[in-house]
């Protein structure tokens, strides 16, 4: 029996998204990298909404942080 076939600790590749080009563009910004003048917040949203928001951001090749900042900015300026 091939010893490598028994068990492997190698990481599995990430599942393909709807648009791989969006994923590679969004990956250019390193997760966890701080932005000057920005603060990190944590909040709870419904799981279904999170899924829809992430998918739409990927389809539009947008960073989720930028989408949320834009929408919150529009909301407070009303």
PDB file of N, CA and C in Angstrom:
ATOM      1  N   UNK A   1       0.841  -1.171   0.000  1.00  0.00           N
ATOM      2  CA  UNK A   1       0.000   0.000   0.000  1.00  0.00           C
ATOM      3  C   UNK A   1       0.889   1.239   0.000  1.00  0.00           C
ATOM      4  N   UNK A   2       0.523   2.246  -0.809  1.00  0.00           N
ATOM      5  CA  UNK A   2       1.280   3.489  -0.913  1.00  0.00           C
ATOM      6  C   UNK A   2       1.068   4.314   0.345  1.00  0.00           C
ATOM      7  N   UNK A   3       2.166   4.617   1.033  1.00  0.00           N
ATOM      8  CA  UNK A   3       2.070   5.337   2.295  1.00  0.00           C
ATOM      9  C   UNK A   3       1.436   6.721   2.114  1.00  0.00           C
ATOM     10  N   UNK A   4       1.700   7.397   0.981  1.00  0.00           N
ATOM     11  CA  UNK A   4       1.134   8.710   0.723  1.00  0.00           C
ATOM     12  C   UNK A   4      -0.369   8.669   0.538  1.00  0.00           C
ATOM     13  N   UNK A   5      -0.909   7.533   0.101  1.00  0.00           N
ATOM     14  CA  UNK A   5      -2.341   7.424  -0.132  1.00  0.00           C
ATOM     15  C   UNK A   5      -3.121   7.231   1.160  1.00  0.00           C
ATOM     16  N   UNK A   6      -2.441   6.800   2.223  1.00  0.00           N
ATOM     17  CA  UNK A   6      -3.124   6.547   3.483  1.00  0.00           C
ATOM     18  C   UNK A   6      -3.612   7.833   4.142  1.00  0.00           C
ATOM     19  N   UNK A   7      -2.742   8.806   4.247  1.00  0.00           N
ATOM     20  CA  UNK A   7      -3.081  10.016   4.983  1.00  0.00           C
ATOM     21  C   UNK A   7      -2.232  11.160   4.455  1.00  0.00           C
ATOM     22  N   UNK A   8      -2.830  12.301   4.319  1.00  0.00           N
ATOM     23  CA  UNK A   8      -2.066  13.463   3.907  1.00  0.00           C
ATOM     24  C   UNK A   8      -2.521  14.673   4.703  1.00  0.00           C
ATOM     25  N   UNK A   9      -1.561  15.496   5.102  1.00  0.00           N
ATOM     26  CA  UNK A   9      -1.873  16.724   5.823  1.00  0.00           C
ATOM     27  C   UNK A   9      -1.807  17.924   4.894  1.00  0.00           C
ATOM     28  N   UNK A  10      -1.689  17.682   3.601  1.00  0.00           N
ATOM     29  CA  UNK A  10      -1.593  18.779   2.641  1.00  0.00           C
ATOM     30  C   UNK A  10      -2.906  19.550   2.606  1.00  0.00           C
ATOM     31  N   UNK A  11      -2.828  20.883   2.524  1.00  0.00           N
ATOM     32  CA  UNK A  11      -4.065  21.669   2.465  1.00  0.00           C
ATOM     33  C   UNK A  11      -4.831  21.394   1.180  1.00  0.00           C
ATOM     34  N   UNK A  12      -6.129  21.432   1.280  1.00  0.00           N
ATOM     35  CA  UNK A  12      -6.979  21.222   0.109  1.00  0.00           C
ATOM     36  C   UNK A  12      -7.172  22.548  -0.602  1.00  0.00           C
ATOM     37  N   UNK A  13      -7.274  22.527  -1.933  1.00  0.00           N
ATOM     38  CA  UNK A  13      -7.502  23.785  -2.656  1.00  0.00           C
ATOM     39  C   UNK A  13      -8.878  24.350  -2.335  1.00  0.00           C
ATOM     40  N   UNK A  14      -8.969  25.678  -2.371  1.00  0.00           N
ATOM     41  CA  UNK A  14     -10.252  26.344  -2.111  1.00  0.00           C
ATOM     42  C   UNK A  14     -11.220  26.026  -3.239  1.00  0.00           C
ATOM     43  N   UNK A  15     -12.519  25.923  -2.926  1.00  0.00           N
ATOM     44  CA  UNK A  15     -13.503  25.667  -3.976  1.00  0.00           C
ATOM     45  C   UNK A  15     -13.556  26.821  -4.961  1.00  0.00           C
ATOM     46  N   UNK A  16     -13.857  26.514  -6.197  1.00  0.00           N
ATOM     47  CA  UNK A  16     -13.945  27.545  -7.235  1.00  0.00           C
ATOM     48  C   UNK A  16     -15.160  28.421  -6.989  1.00  0.00           C
ATOM     49  N   UNK A  17     -15.022  29.703  -7.249  1.00  0.00           N
ATOM     50  CA  UNK A  17     -16.139  30.624  -7.094  1.00  0.00           C
ATOM     51  C   UNK A  17     -16.814  30.821  -8.439  1.00  0.00           C
ATOM     52  N   UNK A  18     -17.848  31.648  -8.448  1.00  0.00           N
ATOM     53  CA  UNK A  18     -18.538  31.944  -9.689  1.00  0.00           C
ATOM     54  C   UNK A  18     -17.636  32.660 -10.674  1.00  0.00           C
ATOM     55  N   UNK A  19     -16.739  33.486 -10.165  1.00  0.00           N
ATOM     56  CA  UNK A  19     -15.883  34.289 -11.020  1.00  0.00           C
ATOM     57  C   UNK A  19     -14.478  34.303 -10.439  1.00  0.00           C
ATOM     58  N   UNK A  20     -13.602  33.461 -10.989  1.00  0.00           N
ATOM     59  CA  UNK A  20     -12.249  33.360 -10.456  1.00  0.00           C
ATOM     60  C   UNK A  20     -11.458  34.649 -10.608  1.00  0.00           C
ATOM     61  N   UNK A  21     -11.761  35.452 -11.634  1.00  0.00           N
ATOM     62  CA  UNK A  21     -11.035  36.703 -11.807  1.00  0.00           C
ATOM     63  C   UNK A  21     -11.347  37.662 -10.664  1.00  0.00           C
ATOM     64  N   UNK A  22     -12.577  37.666 -10.186  1.00  0.00           N
ATOM     65  CA  UNK A  22     -12.948  38.523  -9.058  1.00  0.00           C
ATOM     66  C   UNK A  22     -12.220  38.072  -7.803  1.00  0.00           C
ATOM     67  N   UNK A  23     -12.109  36.770  -7.632  1.00  0.00           N
ATOM     68  CA  UNK A  23     -11.443  36.244  -6.460  1.00  0.00           C
ATOM     69  C   UNK A  23      -9.970  36.640  -6.467  1.00  0.00           C
ATOM     70  N   UNK A  24      -9.304  36.557  -7.619  1.00  0.00           N
ATOM     71  CA  UNK A  24      -7.892  36.902  -7.668  1.00  0.00           C
ATOM     72  C   UNK A  24      -7.685  38.397  -7.466  1.00  0.00           C
ATOM     73  N   UNK A  25      -8.579  39.237  -7.972  1.00  0.00           N
ATOM     74  CA  UNK A  25      -8.461  40.676  -7.787  1.00  0.00           C
ATOM     75  C   UNK A  25      -8.683  41.039  -6.326  1.00  0.00           C
ATOM     76  N   UNK A  26      -9.696  40.465  -5.705  1.00  0.00           N
ATOM     77  CA  UNK A  26      -9.955  40.741  -4.294  1.00  0.00           C
ATOM     78  C   UNK A  26      -8.826  40.218  -3.421  1.00  0.00           C
ATOM     79  N   UNK A  27      -8.141  39.176  -3.870  1.00  0.00           N
ATOM     80  CA  UNK A  27      -7.055  38.603  -3.092  1.00  0.00           C
ATOM     81  C   UNK A  27      -5.832  39.513  -3.072  1.00  0.00           C
ATOM     82  N   UNK A  28      -5.773  40.523  -3.949  1.00  0.00           N
ATOM     83  CA  UNK A  28      -4.638  41.431  -3.965  1.00  0.00           C
ATOM     84  C   UNK A  28      -4.552  42.220  -2.668  1.00  0.00           C
ATOM     85  N   UNK A  29      -5.671  42.505  -2.043  1.00  0.00           N
ATOM     86  CA  UNK A  29      -5.665  43.161  -0.745  1.00  0.00           C
ATOM     87  C   UNK A  29      -5.528  42.077   0.298  1.00  0.00           C
ATOM     88  N   UNK A  30      -4.479  42.152   1.073  1.00  0.00           N
ATOM     89  CA  UNK A  30      -4.206  41.090   2.039  1.00  0.00           C
ATOM     90  C   UNK A  30      -5.183  41.158   3.203  1.00  0.00           C
ATOM     91  N   UNK A  31      -5.826  40.025   3.531  1.00  0.00           N
ATOM     92  CA  UNK A  31      -6.748  40.012   4.665  1.00  0.00           C
ATOM     93  C   UNK A  31      -6.016  40.402   5.949  1.00  0.00           C
ATOM     94  N   UNK A  32      -6.682  41.181   6.764  1.00  0.00           N
ATOM     95  CA  UNK A  32      -6.092  41.573   8.034  1.00  0.00           C
ATOM     96  C   UNK A  32      -5.180  42.778   7.930  1.00  0.00           C
ATOM     97  N   UNK A  33      -4.904  43.239   6.719  1.00  0.00           N
ATOM     98  CA  UNK A  33      -4.041  44.412   6.559  1.00  0.00           C
ATOM     99  C   UNK A  33      -4.817  45.663   6.965  1.00  0.00           C
ATOM    100  N   UNK A  34      -4.225  46.444   7.841  1.00  0.00           N
ATOM    101  CA  UNK A  34      -4.892  47.649   8.332  1.00  0.00           C
ATOM    102  C   UNK A  34      -4.850  48.741   7.281  1.00  0.00           C
ATOM    103  N   UNK A  35      -5.925  49.518   7.242  1.00  0.00           N
ATOM    104  CA  UNK A  35      -6.004  50.678   6.367  1.00  0.00           C
ATOM    105  C   UNK A  35      -5.869  51.919   7.238  1.00  0.00           C
ATOM    106  N   UNK A  36      -5.041  52.835   6.821  1.00  0.00           N
ATOM    107  CA  UNK A  36      -4.832  54.063   7.567  1.00  0.00           C
ATOM    108  C   UNK A  36      -6.145  54.837   7.672  1.00  0.00           C
ATOM    109  N   UNK A  37      -6.524  55.203   8.886  1.00  0.00           N
ATOM    110  CA  UNK A  37      -7.748  55.962   9.103  1.00  0.00           C
ATOM    111  C   UNK A  37      -9.003  55.105   9.181  1.00  0.00           C
ATOM    112  N   UNK A  38      -8.871  53.792   9.147  1.00  0.00           N
ATOM    113  CA  UNK A  38     -10.016  52.881   9.211  1.00  0.00           C
ATOM    114  C   UNK A  38      -9.955  52.110  10.521  1.00  0.00           C
ATOM    115  N   UNK A  39     -11.119  51.661  11.008  1.00  0.00           N
ATOM    116  CA  UNK A  39     -11.190  50.812  12.190  1.00  0.00           C
ATOM    117  C   UNK A  39     -11.954  49.541  11.837  1.00  0.00           C
ATOM    118  N   UNK A  40     -11.640  48.493  12.544  1.00  0.00           N
ATOM    119  CA  UNK A  40     -12.329  47.224  12.332  1.00  0.00           C
ATOM    120  C   UNK A  40     -13.522  47.136  13.272  1.00  0.00           C
ATOM    121  N   UNK A  41     -14.656  46.645  12.743  1.00  0.00           N
ATOM    122  CA  UNK A  41     -15.834  46.417  13.576  1.00  0.00           C
ATOM    123  C   UNK A  41     -16.281  44.972  13.396  1.00  0.00           C
ATOM    124  N   UNK A  42     -17.053  44.513  14.328  1.00  0.00           N
ATOM    125  CA  UNK A  42     -17.600  43.165  14.255  1.00  0.00           C
ATOM    126  C   UNK A  42     -19.100  43.271  14.487  1.00  0.00           C
ATOM    127  N   UNK A  43     -19.877  42.572  13.677  1.00  0.00           N
ATOM    128  CA  UNK A  43     -21.323  42.621  13.829  1.00  0.00           C
ATOM    129  C   UNK A  43     -21.930  41.307  13.375  1.00  0.00           C
ATOM    130  N   UNK A  44     -23.186  41.134  13.706  1.00  0.00           N
ATOM    131  CA  UNK A  44     -23.918  39.937  13.328  1.00  0.00           C
ATOM    132  C   UNK A  44     -24.958  40.292  12.276  1.00  0.00           C
ATOM    133  N   UNK A  45     -25.013  39.474  11.226  1.00  0.00           N
ATOM    134  CA  UNK A  45     -26.058  39.599  10.207  1.00  0.00           C
ATOM    135  C   UNK A  45     -26.583  38.195   9.920  1.00  0.00           C
ATOM    136  N   UNK A  46     -27.784  38.087   9.377  1.00  0.00           N
ATOM    137  CA  UNK A  46     -28.316  36.762   9.056  1.00  0.00           C
ATOM    138  C   UNK A  46     -27.400  36.027   8.057  1.00  0.00           C
ATOM    139  N   UNK A  47     -27.238  34.749   8.272  1.00  0.00           N
ATOM    140  CA  UNK A  47     -26.349  33.931   7.438  1.00  0.00           C
ATOM    141  C   UNK A  47     -26.714  34.021   5.955  1.00  0.00           C
ATOM    142  N   UNK A  48     -28.010  33.980   5.651  1.00  0.00           N
ATOM    143  CA  UNK A  48     -28.453  34.039   4.255  1.00  0.00           C
ATOM    144  C   UNK A  48     -28.065  35.378   3.608  1.00  0.00           C
ATOM    145  N   UNK A  49     -28.190  36.469   4.374  1.00  0.00           N
ATOM    146  CA  UNK A  49     -27.809  37.780   3.862  1.00  0.00           C
ATOM    147  C   UNK A  49     -26.303  37.832   3.598  1.00  0.00           C
ATOM    148  N   UNK A  50     -25.517  37.298   4.505  1.00  0.00           N
ATOM    149  CA  UNK A  50     -24.060  37.249   4.340  1.00  0.00           C
ATOM    150  C   UNK A  50     -23.681  36.534   3.057  1.00  0.00           C
ATOM    151  N   UNK A  51     -24.311  35.409   2.797  1.00  0.00           N
ATOM    152  CA  UNK A  51     -24.026  34.630   1.590  1.00  0.00           C
ATOM    153  C   UNK A  51     -24.349  35.440   0.336  1.00  0.00           C
ATOM    154  N   UNK A  52     -25.520  36.081   0.332  1.00  0.00           N
ATOM    155  CA  UNK A  52     -25.927  36.877  -0.838  1.00  0.00           C
ATOM    156  C   UNK A  52     -24.980  38.067  -1.060  1.00  0.00           C
ATOM    157  N   UNK A  53     -24.607  38.728   0.030  1.00  0.00           N
ATOM    158  CA  UNK A  53     -23.716  39.886  -0.071  1.00  0.00           C
ATOM    159  C   UNK A  53     -22.351  39.470  -0.602  1.00  0.00           C
ATOM    160  N   UNK A  54     -21.806  38.393  -0.081  1.00  0.00           N
ATOM    161  CA  UNK A  54     -20.492  37.918  -0.545  1.00  0.00           C
ATOM    162  C   UNK A  54     -20.526  37.542  -2.028  1.00  0.00           C
ATOM    163  N   UNK A  55     -21.581  36.864  -2.445  1.00  0.00           N
ATOM    164  CA  UNK A  55     -21.693  36.448  -3.846  1.00  0.00           C
ATOM    165  C   UNK A  55     -21.802  37.666  -4.763  1.00  0.00           C
ATOM    166  N   UNK A  56     -22.609  38.647  -4.366  1.00  0.00           N
ATOM    167  CA  UNK A  56     -22.773  39.839  -5.205  1.00  0.00           C
ATOM    168  C   UNK A  56     -21.470  40.637  -5.266  1.00  0.00           C
ATOM    169  N   UNK A  57     -20.768  40.743  -4.158  1.00  0.00           N
ATOM    170  CA  UNK A  57     -19.481  41.447  -4.146  1.00  0.00           C
ATOM    171  C   UNK A  57     -18.490  40.751  -5.080  1.00  0.00           C
ATOM    172  N   UNK A  58     -18.449  39.432  -5.053  1.00  0.00           N
ATOM    173  CA  UNK A  58     -17.567  38.692  -5.960  1.00  0.00           C
ATOM    174  C   UNK A  58     -17.957  38.909  -7.417  1.00  0.00           C
ATOM    175  N   UNK A  59     -19.247  38.859  -7.692  1.00  0.00           N
ATOM    176  CA  UNK A  59     -19.723  39.048  -9.066  1.00  0.00           C
ATOM    177  C   UNK A  59     -19.371  40.436  -9.597  1.00  0.00           C
ATOM    178  N   UNK A  60     -19.366  41.432  -8.724  1.00  0.00           N
ATOM    179  CA  UNK A  60     -19.065  42.805  -9.120  1.00  0.00           C
ATOM    180  C   UNK A  60     -17.593  43.154  -8.924  1.00  0.00           C
ATOM    181  N   UNK A  61     -16.806  42.145  -8.549  1.00  0.00           N
ATOM    182  CA  UNK A  61     -15.366  42.335  -8.344  1.00  0.00           C
ATOM    183  C   UNK A  61     -15.092  43.446  -7.332  1.00  0.00           C
ATOM    184  N   UNK A  62     -15.840  43.418  -6.222  1.00  0.00           N
ATOM    185  CA  UNK A  62     -15.708  44.439  -5.186  1.00  0.00           C
ATOM    186  C   UNK A  62     -15.286  43.805  -3.879  1.00  0.00           C
ATOM    187  N   UNK A  63     -14.590  44.583  -3.090  1.00  0.00           N
ATOM    188  CA  UNK A  63     -14.174  44.168  -1.763  1.00  0.00           C
ATOM    189  C   UNK A  63     -15.337  44.395  -0.800  1.00  0.00           C
ATOM    190  N   UNK A  64     -15.619  43.427   0.036  1.00  0.00           N
ATOM    191  CA  UNK A  64     -16.753  43.519   0.957  1.00  0.00           C
ATOM    192  C   UNK A  64     -16.624  44.723   1.891  1.00  0.00           C
ATOM    193  N   UNK A  65     -15.434  45.034   2.325  1.00  0.00           N
ATOM    194  CA  UNK A  65     -15.221  46.201   3.180  1.00  0.00           C
ATOM    195  C   UNK A  65     -15.665  47.475   2.479  1.00  0.00           C
ATOM    196  N   UNK A  66     -15.312  47.610   1.206  1.00  0.00           N
ATOM    197  CA  UNK A  66     -15.684  48.812   0.456  1.00  0.00           C
ATOM    198  C   UNK A  66     -17.197  48.901   0.249  1.00  0.00           C
ATOM    199  N   UNK A  67     -17.836  47.760   0.017  1.00  0.00           N
ATOM    200  CA  UNK A  67     -19.291  47.748  -0.166  1.00  0.00           C
ATOM    201  C   UNK A  67     -19.985  48.223   1.112  1.00  0.00           C
ATOM    202  N   UNK A  68     -19.590  47.668   2.240  1.00  0.00           N
ATOM    203  CA  UNK A  68     -20.217  48.029   3.518  1.00  0.00           C
ATOM    204  C   UNK A  68     -19.953  49.500   3.848  1.00  0.00           C
ATOM    205  N   UNK A  69     -18.721  49.975   3.634  1.00  0.00           N
ATOM    206  CA  UNK A  69     -18.403  51.375   3.918  1.00  0.00           C
ATOM    207  C   UNK A  69     -19.239  52.313   3.035  1.00  0.00           C
ATOM    208  N   UNK A  70     -19.389  51.959   1.766  1.00  0.00           N
ATOM    209  CA  UNK A  70     -20.193  52.780   0.857  1.00  0.00           C
ATOM    210  C   UNK A  70     -21.646  52.849   1.312  1.00  0.00           C
ATOM    211  N   UNK A  71     -22.216  51.701   1.630  1.00  0.00           N
ATOM    212  CA  UNK A  71     -23.625  51.661   2.027  1.00  0.00           C
ATOM    213  C   UNK A  71     -23.858  52.377   3.360  1.00  0.00           C
ATOM    214  N   UNK A  72     -22.957  52.203   4.318  1.00  0.00           N
ATOM    215  CA  UNK A  72     -23.109  52.908   5.593  1.00  0.00           C
ATOM    216  C   UNK A  72     -22.943  54.414   5.404  1.00  0.00           C
ATOM    217  N   UNK A  73     -22.029  54.815   4.543  1.00  0.00           N
ATOM    218  CA  UNK A  73     -21.840  56.238   4.258  1.00  0.00           C
ATOM    219  C   UNK A  73     -23.088  56.854   3.649  1.00  0.00           C
ATOM    220  N   UNK A  74     -23.707  56.140   2.709  1.00  0.00           N
ATOM    221  CA  UNK A  74     -24.944  56.623   2.089  1.00  0.00           C
ATOM    222  C   UNK A  74     -26.068  56.720   3.123  1.00  0.00           C
ATOM    223  N   UNK A  75     -26.129  55.748   4.005  1.00  0.00           N
ATOM    224  CA  UNK A  75     -27.178  55.707   5.015  1.00  0.00           C
ATOM    225  C   UNK A  75     -27.081  56.874   5.989  1.00  0.00           C
ATOM    226  N   UNK A  76     -25.884  57.179   6.455  1.00  0.00           N
ATOM    227  CA  UNK A  76     -25.744  58.268   7.421  1.00  0.00           C
ATOM    228  C   UNK A  76     -25.895  59.648   6.767  1.00  0.00           C
ATOM    229  N   UNK A  77     -25.664  59.731   5.465  1.00  0.00           N
ATOM    230  CA  UNK A  77     -25.788  61.010   4.766  1.00  0.00           C
ATOM    231  C   UNK A  77     -27.224  61.339   4.364  1.00  0.00           C
ATOM    232  N   UNK A  78     -28.153  60.425   4.576  1.00  0.00           N
ATOM    233  CA  UNK A  78     -29.558  60.666   4.211  1.00  0.00           C
ATOM    234  C   UNK A  78     -30.161  61.728   5.087  1.00  0.00           C
TER     235      UNK A  78
END
